[in-house]
Amino acid sequence: MGVFTYESEVVAAIPPAKMFKACILDGDKLIPKIVPQAFKNVEYIEGNGEPGSIKKVTFGEGSQFNYMIEKVEALDKDNFVYSYSVIEGDALMKTLEKITYETKLEPSPAGGSICKTTSKYYTIGDFEIKEEGIKAGKEKALGIFKAVEAYLLANPDAY
């Protein structure tokens, strides 16, 4: 098994507390509503969003994948940190044991936020991750993040 780590950073005009609430705490309801082509729905199998919770994410129409099962690893509402692992589903492509994501939102000098994400891909056997595949997934995640930002800018009283 190998581990491939990828880090990314994106800036948003929305302050960390508001972005965290919309994207992380309420994201299971908000994202299918504003980006239905990304996620059709999210349902909890165990728990309610706290660490240890297990949820099934069903991808939207046109996605190359059907579903993924996620386990919430950590949730720090005070420091705006969220970590989860994709532990099952066709998004693992039978070549990955799991994918772990850690997201941290920090204040930006301009009054918005900086979203820092660390992704760790745990491969099965000697499978090697291709950078193009990682970039494609990150572009989809960025699209969702920017859709939430646009929603909050258009609906300033939403959160």
Protein backbone atom coordinates (compact mmCIF):
# COMPACT_ATOMS: atom_id res chain seq x y z
CA MET A 1 0.00 0.00 0.00
CA GLY A 2 1.19 3.48 -0.86
CA VAL A 3 -0.03 6.86 0.31
CA PHE A 4 -0.18 9.82 -2.05
CA THR A 5 -0.76 13.23 -0.41
CA TYR A 6 -2.11 16.24 -2.27
CA GLU A 7 -2.60 19.70 -0.76
CA SER A 8 -4.66 22.55 -2.12
CA GLU A 9 -5.70 26.02 -1.10
CA VAL A 10 -8.55 28.22 -2.31
CA VAL A 11 -9.67 31.69 -1.25
CA ALA A 12 -13.30 32.66 -0.73
CA ALA A 13 -14.94 36.04 -0.10
CA ILE A 14 -17.04 34.52 2.73
CA PRO A 15 -15.71 34.53 6.35
CA PRO A 16 -14.68 31.12 7.77
CA ALA A 17 -17.55 30.69 10.26
CA LYS A 18 -20.23 31.26 7.61
CA MET A 19 -18.46 29.15 4.96
CA PHE A 20 -17.92 26.30 7.47
CA LYS A 21 -21.56 26.33 8.51
CA ALA A 22 -22.85 26.28 4.93
CA CYS A 23 -20.27 23.98 3.34
CA ILE A 24 -19.57 21.54 6.19
CA LEU A 25 -22.27 21.66 8.86
CA ASP A 26 -25.19 22.11 6.46
CA GLY A 27 -23.48 20.90 3.28
CA ASP A 28 -25.34 17.58 3.23
CA LYS A 29 -28.59 19.53 2.65
CA LEU A 30 -27.29 22.62 0.84
CA ILE A 31 -25.02 21.06 -1.81
CA PRO A 32 -27.67 18.72 -3.33
CA LYS A 33 -29.98 21.75 -3.47
CA ILE A 34 -27.59 24.15 -5.24
CA VAL A 35 -25.38 21.66 -7.15
CA PRO A 36 -27.68 18.67 -7.85
CA GLN A 37 -25.44 17.49 -10.70
CA ALA A 38 -22.70 16.90 -8.09
CA PHE A 39 -24.66 15.23 -5.27
CA LYS A 40 -28.16 13.85 -5.67
CA ASN A 41 -28.55 13.24 -1.95
CA VAL A 42 -26.78 12.45 1.31
CA GLU A 43 -28.17 10.05 3.90
CA TYR A 44 -26.79 9.05 7.28
CA ILE A 45 -26.34 5.33 7.88
CA GLU A 46 -24.96 5.88 11.40
CA GLY A 47 -24.78 8.98 13.55
CA ASN A 48 -25.73 12.58 12.80
CA GLY A 49 -22.54 14.20 11.51
CA GLU A 50 -20.31 13.94 14.55
CA PRO A 51 -17.03 11.95 14.44
CA GLY A 52 -17.72 8.26 13.79
CA SER A 53 -20.82 9.00 11.69
CA ILE A 54 -21.21 7.10 8.41
CA LYS A 55 -23.05 8.59 5.45
CA LYS A 56 -23.87 7.59 1.90
CA VAL A 57 -23.45 10.21 -0.81
CA THR A 58 -25.29 9.51 -4.06
CA PHE A 59 -23.76 11.35 -7.00
CA GLY A 60 -25.85 13.41 -9.41
CA GLU A 61 -26.85 12.65 -12.96
CA GLY A 62 -23.94 12.62 -15.38
CA SER A 63 -21.34 11.69 -12.78
CA GLN A 64 -18.98 8.87 -13.66
CA PHE A 65 -19.62 7.42 -10.17
CA ASN A 66 -22.78 6.22 -8.42
CA TYR A 67 -22.08 6.58 -4.71
CA MET A 68 -19.54 6.72 -1.91
CA ILE A 69 -19.65 5.90 1.78
CA GLU A 70 -17.93 8.43 4.03
CA LYS A 71 -16.83 8.21 7.65
CA VAL A 72 -16.53 11.44 9.63
CA GLU A 73 -13.10 11.35 11.28
CA ALA A 74 -13.01 14.74 13.05
CA LEU A 75 -15.18 17.83 13.41
CA ASP A 76 -13.84 20.91 15.21
CA LYS A 77 -16.50 23.61 15.01
CA ASP A 78 -14.41 26.14 16.94
CA ASN A 79 -11.34 25.93 14.68
CA PHE A 80 -13.27 25.18 11.44
CA VAL A 81 -11.61 21.81 10.81
CA TYR A 82 -13.38 18.82 9.22
CA SER A 83 -11.92 15.45 8.30
CA TYR A 84 -13.57 12.47 6.64
CA SER A 85 -12.63 9.31 4.76
CA VAL A 86 -14.21 7.77 1.69
CA ILE A 87 -14.30 4.11 2.78
CA GLU A 88 -16.52 2.47 0.16
CA GLY A 89 -18.04 3.05 -3.26
CA ASP A 90 -17.19 3.09 -6.93
CA ALA A 91 -15.28 6.38 -6.46
CA LEU A 92 -12.47 4.22 -4.99
CA MET A 93 -12.23 2.49 -8.40
CA LYS A 94 -11.06 -0.81 -6.83
CA THR A 95 -7.54 0.67 -6.70
CA LEU A 96 -7.85 2.66 -3.47
CA GLU A 97 -8.34 1.39 0.06
CA LYS A 98 -9.62 4.80 1.14
CA ILE A 99 -9.25 8.53 0.61
CA THR A 100 -8.97 10.85 3.62
CA TYR A 101 -9.65 14.57 3.37
CA GLU A 102 -8.93 17.22 5.98
CA THR A 103 -10.32 20.70 5.41
CA LYS A 104 -9.44 23.76 7.47
CA LEU A 105 -10.91 27.22 6.97
CA GLU A 106 -8.85 30.19 8.13
CA PRO A 107 -9.48 33.95 7.95
CA SER A 108 -7.99 35.71 4.92
CA PRO A 109 -6.48 39.19 5.14
CA ALA A 110 -9.30 40.49 2.91
CA GLY A 111 -12.01 39.38 5.35
CA GLY A 112 -12.97 36.17 3.60
CA SER A 113 -11.49 32.74 4.16
CA ILE A 114 -8.73 30.47 2.99
CA CYS A 115 -9.75 26.84 2.59
CA LYS A 116 -6.81 24.46 3.01
CA THR A 117 -7.38 20.83 2.10
CA THR A 118 -5.07 17.85 2.50
CA SER A 119 -6.08 14.71 0.62
CA LYS A 120 -4.47 11.34 1.27
CA TYR A 121 -5.02 8.53 -1.21
CA TYR A 122 -4.29 5.06 0.20
CA THR A 123 -3.60 2.76 -2.74
CA ILE A 124 -4.09 -1.00 -2.94
CA GLY A 125 -0.91 -2.92 -3.74
CA ASP A 126 1.57 -1.03 -5.90
CA PHE A 127 -1.03 1.02 -7.76
CA GLU A 128 0.20 4.55 -8.47
CA ILE A 129 -2.08 7.56 -8.56
CA LYS A 130 -1.96 9.70 -11.68
CA GLU A 131 -1.81 13.45 -11.07
CA GLU A 132 -4.45 14.06 -13.78
CA GLY A 133 -7.01 12.01 -11.84
CA ILE A 134 -6.32 13.96 -8.66
CA LYS A 135 -6.64 17.28 -10.50
CA ALA A 136 -9.97 16.28 -12.05
CA GLY A 137 -11.39 15.42 -8.62
CA LYS A 138 -10.04 18.64 -7.12
CA GLU A 139 -11.61 20.70 -9.93
CA LYS A 140 -15.01 19.14 -9.14
CA ALA A 141 -14.54 19.88 -5.41
CA LEU A 142 -13.51 23.46 -6.24
CA GLY A 143 -16.64 23.83 -8.38
CA ILE A 144 -18.83 22.79 -5.43
CA PHE A 145 -16.95 25.13 -3.06
CA LYS A 146 -17.34 28.06 -5.47
CA ALA A 147 -21.06 27.23 -5.94
CA VAL A 148 -21.55 27.46 -2.16
CA GLU A 149 -19.63 30.75 -2.12
CA ALA A 150 -21.80 32.13 -4.95
CA TYR A 151 -24.96 31.00 -3.13
CA LEU A 152 -23.85 32.79 0.05
CA LEU A 153 -22.95 35.97 -1.86
CA ALA A 154 -26.36 35.94 -3.56
CA ASN A 155 -28.15 35.09 -0.29
CA PRO A 156 -26.28 37.06 2.41
CA ASP A 157 -28.87 36.28 5.11
CA ALA A 158 -28.91 32.52 4.43
CA TYR A 159 -26.44 31.65 7.22
